[in-house]
Amino acid sequence: MTVFRAACLQVNAGRDMAANIDAAAALVREARANGADLVLMPENVSMMEWGRENVLAKAMPESEHAALAAFRALAQETRLWLHCGSLAVALPSGKVANRTYMLNPAGEIVARYDKIHMFDVDLGEGEVYRESATFEPGDRAVVVDLPWGGLGLTICYDLRFPHLFRTLAQNGARFLTVPAAFTRPTGLAHWEVLLRARAIETGCWVFAPAQTGEHTGRQTWGHALIIAPWGEVVADAGESPGIIYADVDTAAVDTARRKVPSLSHDRPFTLG
């Protein structure tokens, strides 16, 4: 049996990147002091900004990104496997990638993932999102090797596309991460049930760090979660900034998959 300690952060990021970095870094250091081996941050951890022009004005290319440089130094300082949630990375196309980075304890980038699915929705009462106007979607699924097994990378709205999670699990993922800034209406209705479904369908541990609270007129749901492969909620952050932990038993993946080996039960079919 292999057990490691995972920690998911819950933050209330605003428009000030330096303040957001400092707040996240303080939680990372606290998690390390409490025995975490792997720390995961939420979507938009370094900046919760609204509107195409505002996002474009503050996005930075990877080579110059202040948050990425700070988090690489932090991973090296704490000797942690550090998942950077997601950052707004300026692209030559003039758009922005919503990009996650996985860092090793030497502060090296061992994986990148660009959010594939764009959040283009109308939630009613004037709450409208058009990510595709600002962000360039990714086109590559990623499983990164950690000392404890493969971690499948996704971001927020990807949660609604179960075939992505199944593909990750069938290609080596034993853990899945869903860093998010889920809206309050969709979070209340769908957040936990979708995360539990993805865990159950794949027999994976699911780590879901989250944004919470008010962000310049918008609200996020909070409730960062850690979910075991059988679908049990192991930790729930509620609605306040902070950290949740789980001592992750990697054998639970094999146990769940032996009971219901659905990942190996795909069959071809036609629509008739």
C-alpha atoms as a PDB file:
ATOM      1  CA  MET A   1       0.000   0.000   0.000  1.00  0.00           C
ATOM      2  CA  THR A   2       1.227   3.492  -0.883  1.00  0.00           C
ATOM      3  CA  VAL A   3      -0.218   6.502   0.892  1.00  0.00           C
ATOM      4  CA  PHE A   4       0.596  10.165   0.286  1.00  0.00           C
ATOM      5  CA  ARG A   5      -0.971  13.396   1.537  1.00  0.00           C
ATOM      6  CA  ALA A   6      -2.744  15.617  -0.992  1.00  0.00           C
ATOM      7  CA  ALA A   7      -3.924  19.151  -0.282  1.00  0.00           C
ATOM      8  CA  CYS A   8      -6.364  21.249  -2.335  1.00  0.00           C
ATOM      9  CA  LEU A   9      -6.449  25.019  -1.899  1.00  0.00           C
ATOM     10  CA  GLN A  10      -9.559  27.152  -1.823  1.00  0.00           C
ATOM     11  CA  VAL A  11      -8.951  30.850  -2.480  1.00  0.00           C
ATOM     12  CA  ASN A  12     -10.803  34.082  -3.143  1.00  0.00           C
ATOM     13  CA  ALA A  13      -8.610  35.608  -5.846  1.00  0.00           C
ATOM     14  CA  GLY A  14      -9.167  39.151  -7.082  1.00  0.00           C
ATOM     15  CA  ARG A  15      -7.651  41.411  -9.709  1.00  0.00           C
ATOM     16  CA  ASP A  16      -4.307  42.057  -7.952  1.00  0.00           C
ATOM     17  CA  MET A  17      -1.919  39.367  -9.168  1.00  0.00           C
ATOM     18  CA  ALA A  18       0.777  40.019  -6.555  1.00  0.00           C
ATOM     19  CA  ALA A  19      -1.725  39.763  -3.704  1.00  0.00           C
ATOM     20  CA  ASN A  20      -3.204  36.577  -5.179  1.00  0.00           C
ATOM     21  CA  ILE A  21       0.229  34.979  -5.503  1.00  0.00           C
ATOM     22  CA  ASP A  22       1.099  35.866  -1.915  1.00  0.00           C
ATOM     23  CA  ALA A  23      -2.191  34.435  -0.605  1.00  0.00           C
ATOM     24  CA  ALA A  24      -1.768  31.169  -2.503  1.00  0.00           C
ATOM     25  CA  ALA A  25       1.883  30.845  -1.506  1.00  0.00           C
ATOM     26  CA  ALA A  26       1.000  31.225   2.183  1.00  0.00           C
ATOM     27  CA  LEU A  27      -1.482  28.361   1.898  1.00  0.00           C
ATOM     28  CA  VAL A  28       1.035  26.200   0.028  1.00  0.00           C
ATOM     29  CA  ARG A  29       3.577  26.693   2.796  1.00  0.00           C
ATOM     30  CA  GLU A  30       0.944  25.870   5.407  1.00  0.00           C
ATOM     31  CA  ALA A  31      -0.011  22.702   3.541  1.00  0.00           C
ATOM     32  CA  ARG A  32       3.622  21.629   3.379  1.00  0.00           C
ATOM     33  CA  ALA A  33       4.026  22.267   7.101  1.00  0.00           C
ATOM     34  CA  ASN A  34       1.030  19.977   7.624  1.00  0.00           C
ATOM     35  CA  GLY A  35       2.643  17.138   5.726  1.00  0.00           C
ATOM     36  CA  ALA A  36       1.333  17.558   2.190  1.00  0.00           C
ATOM     37  CA  ASP A  37       3.309  15.843  -0.581  1.00  0.00           C
ATOM     38  CA  LEU A  38       1.136  17.172  -3.416  1.00  0.00           C
ATOM     39  CA  VAL A  39      -0.599  20.566  -3.399  1.00  0.00           C
ATOM     40  CA  LEU A  40      -3.164  21.598  -5.998  1.00  0.00           C
ATOM     41  CA  MET A  41      -4.365  25.154  -6.678  1.00  0.00           C
ATOM     42  CA  PRO A  42      -7.607  26.329  -8.342  1.00  0.00           C
ATOM     43  CA  GLU A  43      -8.375  27.774 -11.746  1.00  0.00           C
ATOM     44  CA  ASN A  44      -7.341  31.433 -12.185  1.00  0.00           C
ATOM     45  CA  VAL A  45      -5.356  31.248  -8.955  1.00  0.00           C
ATOM     46  CA  SER A  46      -3.291  34.314  -9.828  1.00  0.00           C
ATOM     47  CA  MET A  47      -6.055  36.497 -11.328  1.00  0.00           C
ATOM     48  CA  MET A  48      -9.861  36.602 -11.362  1.00  0.00           C
ATOM     49  CA  GLU A  49     -10.492  39.192 -14.053  1.00  0.00           C
ATOM     50  CA  TRP A  50     -13.595  39.819 -16.194  1.00  0.00           C
ATOM     51  CA  GLY A  51     -13.975  41.062 -19.750  1.00  0.00           C
ATOM     52  CA  ARG A  52     -11.862  40.341 -22.795  1.00  0.00           C
ATOM     53  CA  GLU A  53      -9.841  43.562 -22.706  1.00  0.00           C
ATOM     54  CA  ASN A  54      -9.079  43.237 -18.990  1.00  0.00           C
ATOM     55  CA  VAL A  55      -7.904  39.638 -19.346  1.00  0.00           C
ATOM     56  CA  LEU A  56      -5.772  40.418 -22.404  1.00  0.00           C
ATOM     57  CA  ALA A  57      -4.190  43.374 -20.607  1.00  0.00           C
ATOM     58  CA  LYS A  58      -3.027  41.225 -17.694  1.00  0.00           C
ATOM     59  CA  ALA A  59      -2.204  37.906 -19.388  1.00  0.00           C
ATOM     60  CA  MET A  60       1.523  37.236 -19.764  1.00  0.00           C
ATOM     61  CA  PRO A  61       3.519  34.974 -22.066  1.00  0.00           C
ATOM     62  CA  GLU A  62       4.873  31.872 -20.365  1.00  0.00           C
ATOM     63  CA  SER A  63       8.473  33.086 -20.462  1.00  0.00           C
ATOM     64  CA  GLU A  64       7.540  36.264 -18.558  1.00  0.00           C
ATOM     65  CA  HIS A  65       4.708  35.053 -16.350  1.00  0.00           C
ATOM     66  CA  ALA A  66       5.132  36.403 -12.816  1.00  0.00           C
ATOM     67  CA  ALA A  67       2.898  33.757 -11.237  1.00  0.00           C
ATOM     68  CA  LEU A  68       4.636  30.873 -12.955  1.00  0.00           C
ATOM     69  CA  ALA A  69       8.057  32.152 -11.854  1.00  0.00           C
ATOM     70  CA  ALA A  70       6.819  32.585  -8.277  1.00  0.00           C
ATOM     71  CA  PHE A  71       5.259  29.112  -8.157  1.00  0.00           C
ATOM     72  CA  ARG A  72       8.359  27.471  -9.628  1.00  0.00           C
ATOM     73  CA  ALA A  73      10.438  29.069  -6.870  1.00  0.00           C
ATOM     74  CA  LEU A  74       7.837  27.998  -4.317  1.00  0.00           C
ATOM     75  CA  ALA A  75       7.905  24.355  -5.447  1.00  0.00           C
ATOM     76  CA  GLN A  76      11.684  24.369  -5.134  1.00  0.00           C
ATOM     77  CA  GLU A  77      11.524  26.034  -1.712  1.00  0.00           C
ATOM     78  CA  THR A  78       8.949  23.615  -0.291  1.00  0.00           C
ATOM     79  CA  ARG A  79      10.160  20.527  -2.172  1.00  0.00           C
ATOM     80  CA  LEU A  80       6.572  19.816  -3.200  1.00  0.00           C
ATOM     81  CA  TRP A  81       4.842  18.455  -6.236  1.00  0.00           C
ATOM     82  CA  LEU A  82       2.877  21.610  -7.014  1.00  0.00           C
ATOM     83  CA  HIS A  83      -0.063  21.866  -9.389  1.00  0.00           C
ATOM     84  CA  CYS A  84      -0.540  25.502 -10.441  1.00  0.00           C
ATOM     85  CA  GLY A  85      -4.310  25.515 -10.942  1.00  0.00           C
ATOM     86  CA  SER A  86      -4.510  27.593 -14.085  1.00  0.00           C
ATOM     87  CA  LEU A  87      -2.911  30.807 -15.320  1.00  0.00           C
ATOM     88  CA  ALA A  88      -3.828  33.212 -18.125  1.00  0.00           C
ATOM     89  CA  VAL A  89      -1.001  32.789 -20.643  1.00  0.00           C
ATOM     90  CA  ALA A  90      -0.744  35.201 -23.591  1.00  0.00           C
ATOM     91  CA  LEU A  91      -0.378  33.494 -26.972  1.00  0.00           C
ATOM     92  CA  PRO A  92       1.079  34.754 -30.278  1.00  0.00           C
ATOM     93  CA  SER A  93      -2.400  34.410 -31.804  1.00  0.00           C
ATOM     94  CA  GLY A  94      -3.616  37.330 -29.706  1.00  0.00           C
ATOM     95  CA  LYS A  95      -5.754  35.078 -27.536  1.00  0.00           C
ATOM     96  CA  VAL A  96      -5.031  33.541 -24.143  1.00  0.00           C
ATOM     97  CA  ALA A  97      -4.508  29.973 -22.987  1.00  0.00           C
ATOM     98  CA  ASN A  98      -6.151  28.892 -19.735  1.00  0.00           C
ATOM     99  CA  ARG A  99      -3.153  26.760 -18.840  1.00  0.00           C
ATOM    100  CA  THR A 100      -2.231  24.523 -15.951  1.00  0.00           C
ATOM    101  CA  TYR A 101       1.328  23.606 -15.004  1.00  0.00           C
ATOM    102  CA  MET A 102       2.593  20.646 -12.998  1.00  0.00           C
ATOM    103  CA  LEU A 103       5.846  21.357 -11.177  1.00  0.00           C
ATOM    104  CA  ASN A 104       8.207  18.870  -9.555  1.00  0.00           C
ATOM    105  CA  PRO A 105      10.045  19.510  -6.263  1.00  0.00           C
ATOM    106  CA  ALA A 106      12.935  21.037  -8.187  1.00  0.00           C
ATOM    107  CA  GLY A 107      10.562  23.669  -9.606  1.00  0.00           C
ATOM    108  CA  GLU A 108      10.743  22.200 -13.103  1.00  0.00           C
ATOM    109  CA  ILE A 109       7.719  22.167 -15.417  1.00  0.00           C
ATOM    110  CA  VAL A 110       6.878  18.510 -16.007  1.00  0.00           C
ATOM    111  CA  ALA A 111       3.525  19.025 -17.771  1.00  0.00           C
ATOM    112  CA  ARG A 112       1.300  21.680 -19.316  1.00  0.00           C
ATOM    113  CA  TYR A 113      -2.376  21.434 -20.135  1.00  0.00           C
ATOM    114  CA  ASP A 114      -4.571  23.987 -21.929  1.00  0.00           C
ATOM    115  CA  LYS A 115      -8.290  23.887 -21.102  1.00  0.00           C
ATOM    116  CA  ILE A 116     -10.063  22.171 -23.977  1.00  0.00           C
ATOM    117  CA  HIS A 117     -13.710  23.085 -23.435  1.00  0.00           C
ATOM    118  CA  MET A 118     -14.801  26.721 -23.483  1.00  0.00           C
ATOM    119  CA  PHE A 119     -17.440  27.992 -21.037  1.00  0.00           C
ATOM    120  CA  ASP A 120     -19.884  29.715 -23.403  1.00  0.00           C
ATOM    121  CA  VAL A 121     -23.163  29.795 -21.458  1.00  0.00           C
ATOM    122  CA  ASP A 122     -26.154  31.937 -20.520  1.00  0.00           C
ATOM    123  CA  LEU A 123     -27.160  31.273 -16.909  1.00  0.00           C
ATOM    124  CA  GLY A 124     -29.990  33.817 -16.796  1.00  0.00           C
ATOM    125  CA  GLU A 125     -30.410  37.125 -14.959  1.00  0.00           C
ATOM    126  CA  GLY A 126     -27.588  38.642 -17.022  1.00  0.00           C
ATOM    127  CA  GLU A 127     -24.942  36.090 -16.064  1.00  0.00           C
ATOM    128  CA  VAL A 128     -23.311  35.365 -19.424  1.00  0.00           C
ATOM    129  CA  TYR A 129     -19.893  33.857 -20.173  1.00  0.00           C
ATOM    130  CA  ARG A 130     -18.103  33.648 -23.542  1.00  0.00           C
ATOM    131  CA  GLU A 131     -14.668  32.167 -22.894  1.00  0.00           C
ATOM    132  CA  SER A 132     -14.146  31.472 -26.579  1.00  0.00           C
ATOM    133  CA  ALA A 133     -13.996  35.227 -27.266  1.00  0.00           C
ATOM    134  CA  THR A 134     -10.815  35.498 -25.191  1.00  0.00           C
ATOM    135  CA  PHE A 135      -9.338  32.032 -24.797  1.00  0.00           C
ATOM    136  CA  GLU A 136      -7.896  29.622 -27.327  1.00  0.00           C
ATOM    137  CA  PRO A 137      -8.968  26.055 -26.538  1.00  0.00           C
ATOM    138  CA  GLY A 138      -6.425  23.316 -26.147  1.00  0.00           C
ATOM    139  CA  ASP A 139      -6.530  20.124 -28.185  1.00  0.00           C
ATOM    140  CA  ARG A 140      -4.398  17.675 -26.186  1.00  0.00           C
ATOM    141  CA  ALA A 141      -5.291  15.528 -23.186  1.00  0.00           C
ATOM    142  CA  VAL A 142      -2.483  15.097 -20.644  1.00  0.00           C
ATOM    143  CA  VAL A 143      -1.569  12.476 -18.042  1.00  0.00           C
ATOM    144  CA  VAL A 144       1.505  13.367 -15.993  1.00  0.00           C
ATOM    145  CA  ASP A 145       3.540  10.788 -14.095  1.00  0.00           C
ATOM    146  CA  LEU A 146       3.805  11.454 -10.356  1.00  0.00           C
ATOM    147  CA  PRO A 147       5.657   9.253  -7.866  1.00  0.00           C
ATOM    148  CA  TRP A 148       2.311   7.664  -6.913  1.00  0.00           C
ATOM    149  CA  GLY A 149       0.824   7.191 -10.391  1.00  0.00           C
ATOM    150  CA  GLY A 150      -0.619   9.127 -13.288  1.00  0.00           C
ATOM    151  CA  LEU A 151      -2.503  12.407 -12.761  1.00  0.00           C
ATOM    152  CA  GLY A 152      -5.011  13.378 -15.462  1.00  0.00           C
ATOM    153  CA  LEU A 153      -5.233  17.133 -16.017  1.00  0.00           C
ATOM    154  CA  THR A 154      -8.505  18.977 -16.653  1.00  0.00           C
ATOM    155  CA  ILE A 155      -9.884  22.445 -15.866  1.00  0.00           C
ATOM    156  CA  CYS A 156     -13.363  23.489 -14.668  1.00  0.00           C
ATOM    157  CA  TYR A 157     -15.858  23.224 -17.586  1.00  0.00           C
ATOM    158  CA  ASP A 158     -14.036  20.094 -18.797  1.00  0.00           C
ATOM    159  CA  LEU A 159     -15.915  18.403 -15.937  1.00  0.00           C
ATOM    160  CA  ARG A 160     -19.035  18.182 -18.124  1.00  0.00           C
ATOM    161  CA  PHE A 161     -17.316  16.030 -20.770  1.00  0.00           C
ATOM    162  CA  PRO A 162     -17.010  12.517 -19.304  1.00  0.00           C
ATOM    163  CA  HIS A 163     -15.305  11.053 -22.364  1.00  0.00           C
ATOM    164  CA  LEU A 164     -12.229  13.178 -21.560  1.00  0.00           C
ATOM    165  CA  PHE A 165     -12.014  11.674 -18.071  1.00  0.00           C
ATOM    166  CA  ARG A 166     -12.540   8.156 -19.374  1.00  0.00           C
ATOM    167  CA  THR A 167      -9.764   8.659 -21.908  1.00  0.00           C
ATOM    168  CA  LEU A 168      -7.413   9.884 -19.170  1.00  0.00           C
ATOM    169  CA  ALA A 169      -8.216   6.912 -16.935  1.00  0.00           C
ATOM    170  CA  GLN A 170      -7.769   4.423 -19.776  1.00  0.00           C
ATOM    171  CA  ASN A 171      -4.360   5.946 -20.488  1.00  0.00           C
ATOM    172  CA  GLY A 172      -2.764   5.730 -17.078  1.00  0.00           C
ATOM    173  CA  ALA A 173      -4.541   8.245 -14.824  1.00  0.00           C
ATOM    174  CA  ARG A 174      -5.174   7.002 -11.288  1.00  0.00           C
ATOM    175  CA  PHE A 175      -5.901  10.516 -10.031  1.00  0.00           C
ATOM    176  CA  LEU A 176      -7.783  13.352 -11.729  1.00  0.00           C
ATOM    177  CA  THR A 177      -7.678  17.052 -10.982  1.00  0.00           C
ATOM    178  CA  VAL A 178     -10.378  19.616 -11.738  1.00  0.00           C
ATOM    179  CA  PRO A 179      -9.174  23.080 -10.661  1.00  0.00           C
ATOM    180  CA  ALA A 180     -12.202  25.321 -10.927  1.00  0.00           C
ATOM    181  CA  ALA A 181     -13.863  28.697 -10.568  1.00  0.00           C
ATOM    182  CA  PHE A 182     -17.373  27.245 -10.737  1.00  0.00           C
ATOM    183  CA  THR A 183     -20.171  29.784 -10.757  1.00  0.00           C
ATOM    184  CA  ARG A 184     -22.512  29.803  -7.782  1.00  0.00           C
ATOM    185  CA  PRO A 185     -25.642  28.724  -9.753  1.00  0.00           C
ATOM    186  CA  THR A 186     -23.924  25.823 -11.514  1.00  0.00           C
ATOM    187  CA  GLY A 187     -21.963  24.868  -8.415  1.00  0.00           C
ATOM    188  CA  LEU A 188     -25.074  24.598  -6.276  1.00  0.00           C
ATOM    189  CA  ALA A 189     -26.784  22.387  -8.847  1.00  0.00           C
ATOM    190  CA  HIS A 190     -24.000  20.317 -10.393  1.00  0.00           C
ATOM    191  CA  TRP A 191     -20.510  20.573  -8.830  1.00  0.00           C
ATOM    192  CA  GLU A 192     -20.506  17.709  -6.340  1.00  0.00           C
ATOM    193  CA  VAL A 193     -22.645  15.303  -8.341  1.00  0.00           C
ATOM    194  CA  LEU A 194     -20.483  15.667 -11.462  1.00  0.00           C
ATOM    195  CA  LEU A 195     -17.229  15.245  -9.538  1.00  0.00           C
ATOM    196  CA  ARG A 196     -18.537  12.151  -7.763  1.00  0.00           C
ATOM    197  CA  ALA A 197     -19.690  10.749 -11.102  1.00  0.00           C
ATOM    198  CA  ARG A 198     -16.263  11.247 -12.662  1.00  0.00           C
ATOM    199  CA  ALA A 199     -14.639   9.425  -9.705  1.00  0.00           C
ATOM    200  CA  ILE A 200     -17.119   6.546  -9.873  1.00  0.00           C
ATOM    201  CA  GLU A 201     -16.916   6.171 -13.668  1.00  0.00           C
ATOM    202  CA  THR A 202     -13.123   6.016 -13.694  1.00  0.00           C
ATOM    203  CA  GLY A 203     -12.223   4.499 -10.319  1.00  0.00           C
ATOM    204  CA  CYS A 204      -9.905   7.473  -9.749  1.00  0.00           C
ATOM    205  CA  TRP A 205      -9.227   9.803  -6.859  1.00  0.00           C
ATOM    206  CA  VAL A 206     -10.512  13.277  -7.800  1.00  0.00           C
ATOM    207  CA  PHE A 207      -8.849  16.464  -6.513  1.00  0.00           C
ATOM    208  CA  ALA A 208     -10.934  19.603  -7.084  1.00  0.00           C
ATOM    209  CA  PRO A 209      -9.405  22.850  -5.734  1.00  0.00           C
ATOM    210  CA  ALA A 210     -11.710  25.837  -6.081  1.00  0.00           C
ATOM    211  CA  GLN A 211     -12.303  29.559  -6.071  1.00  0.00           C
ATOM    212  CA  THR A 212     -14.876  30.844  -3.581  1.00  0.00           C
ATOM    213  CA  GLY A 213     -16.867  33.964  -2.786  1.00  0.00           C
ATOM    214  CA  GLU A 214     -17.294  37.360  -4.433  1.00  0.00           C
ATOM    215  CA  HIS A 215     -15.006  38.470  -7.286  1.00  0.00           C
ATOM    216  CA  THR A 216     -15.897  41.990  -8.438  1.00  0.00           C
ATOM    217  CA  GLY A 217     -19.572  41.323  -8.996  1.00  0.00           C
ATOM    218  CA  ARG A 218     -19.293  37.612  -9.815  1.00  0.00           C
ATOM    219  CA  GLN A 219     -19.607  34.743  -7.350  1.00  0.00           C
ATOM    220  CA  THR A 220     -17.939  31.348  -7.261  1.00  0.00           C
ATOM    221  CA  TRP A 221     -19.265  28.336  -5.417  1.00  0.00           C
ATOM    222  CA  GLY A 222     -16.297  27.156  -3.346  1.00  0.00           C
ATOM    223  CA  HIS A 223     -16.616  23.643  -1.887  1.00  0.00           C
ATOM    224  CA  ALA A 224     -13.226  22.373  -2.985  1.00  0.00           C
ATOM    225  CA  LEU A 225     -13.525  18.587  -2.782  1.00  0.00           C
ATOM    226  CA  ILE A 226     -11.404  15.460  -2.555  1.00  0.00           C
ATOM    227  CA  ILE A 227     -13.281  12.346  -3.655  1.00  0.00           C
ATOM    228  CA  ALA A 228     -12.256   8.704  -3.330  1.00  0.00           C
ATOM    229  CA  PRO A 229     -12.496   6.190  -6.218  1.00  0.00           C
ATOM    230  CA  TRP A 230     -15.741   4.662  -4.909  1.00  0.00           C
ATOM    231  CA  GLY A 231     -17.336   8.115  -4.949  1.00  0.00           C
ATOM    232  CA  GLU A 232     -17.143   9.118  -1.273  1.00  0.00           C
ATOM    233  CA  VAL A 233     -16.461  12.778  -0.463  1.00  0.00           C
ATOM    234  CA  VAL A 234     -13.366  12.659   1.745  1.00  0.00           C
ATOM    235  CA  ALA A 235     -12.988  16.432   2.279  1.00  0.00           C
ATOM    236  CA  ASP A 236     -15.143  19.508   1.571  1.00  0.00           C
ATOM    237  CA  ALA A 237     -13.800  23.042   2.057  1.00  0.00           C
ATOM    238  CA  GLY A 238     -17.197  24.707   2.458  1.00  0.00           C
ATOM    239  CA  GLU A 239     -17.275  28.343   1.379  1.00  0.00           C
ATOM    240  CA  SER A 240     -14.268  29.900   3.174  1.00  0.00           C
ATOM    241  CA  PRO A 241     -10.702  30.154   1.843  1.00  0.00           C
ATOM    242  CA  GLY A 242      -8.414  27.486   3.230  1.00  0.00           C
ATOM    243  CA  ILE A 243      -6.996  24.010   2.659  1.00  0.00           C
ATOM    244  CA  ILE A 244      -8.450  20.509   2.599  1.00  0.00           C
ATOM    245  CA  TYR A 245      -6.384  17.351   2.969  1.00  0.00           C
ATOM    246  CA  ALA A 246      -6.620  13.639   2.299  1.00  0.00           C
ATOM    247  CA  ASP A 247      -4.265  10.790   3.016  1.00  0.00           C
ATOM    248  CA  VAL A 248      -4.562   9.171  -0.383  1.00  0.00           C
ATOM    249  CA  ASP A 249      -4.418   5.376  -0.416  1.00  0.00           C
ATOM    250  CA  THR A 250      -3.417   4.462  -3.952  1.00  0.00           C
ATOM    251  CA  ALA A 251      -4.667   0.899  -3.416  1.00  0.00           C
ATOM    252  CA  ALA A 252      -8.223   2.256  -3.330  1.00  0.00           C
ATOM    253  CA  VAL A 253      -7.980   2.737  -7.101  1.00  0.00           C
ATOM    254  CA  ASP A 254      -7.282  -0.942  -7.694  1.00  0.00           C
ATOM    255  CA  THR A 255      -9.990  -1.975  -5.241  1.00  0.00           C
ATOM    256  CA  ALA A 256     -12.658   0.126  -6.963  1.00  0.00           C
ATOM    257  CA  ARG A 257     -11.619  -1.025 -10.422  1.00  0.00           C
ATOM    258  CA  ARG A 258     -11.625  -4.698  -9.419  1.00  0.00           C
ATOM    259  CA  LYS A 259     -15.174  -4.349  -8.118  1.00  0.00           C
ATOM    260  CA  VAL A 260     -16.487  -2.607 -11.241  1.00  0.00           C
ATOM    261  CA  PRO A 261     -13.981  -2.974 -14.118  1.00  0.00           C
ATOM    262  CA  SER A 262     -16.009  -0.796 -16.481  1.00  0.00           C
ATOM    263  CA  LEU A 263     -12.926   0.855 -18.005  1.00  0.00           C
ATOM    264  CA  SER A 264     -12.289  -2.444 -19.813  1.00  0.00           C
ATOM    265  CA  HIS A 265     -15.905  -3.034 -20.856  1.00  0.00           C
ATOM    266  CA  ASP A 266     -16.197  -0.696 -23.851  1.00  0.00           C
ATOM    267  CA  ARG A 267     -18.022  -2.209 -26.812  1.00  0.00           C
ATOM    268  CA  PRO A 268     -18.550  -0.855 -30.294  1.00  0.00           C
ATOM    269  CA  PHE A 269     -22.092   0.149 -31.175  1.00  0.00           C
ATOM    270  CA  THR A 270     -24.049   1.937 -33.848  1.00  0.00           C
ATOM    271  CA  LEU A 271     -26.882   4.413 -33.604  1.00  0.00           C
ATOM    272  CA  GLY A 272     -29.895   2.866 -35.256  1.00  0.00           C
END
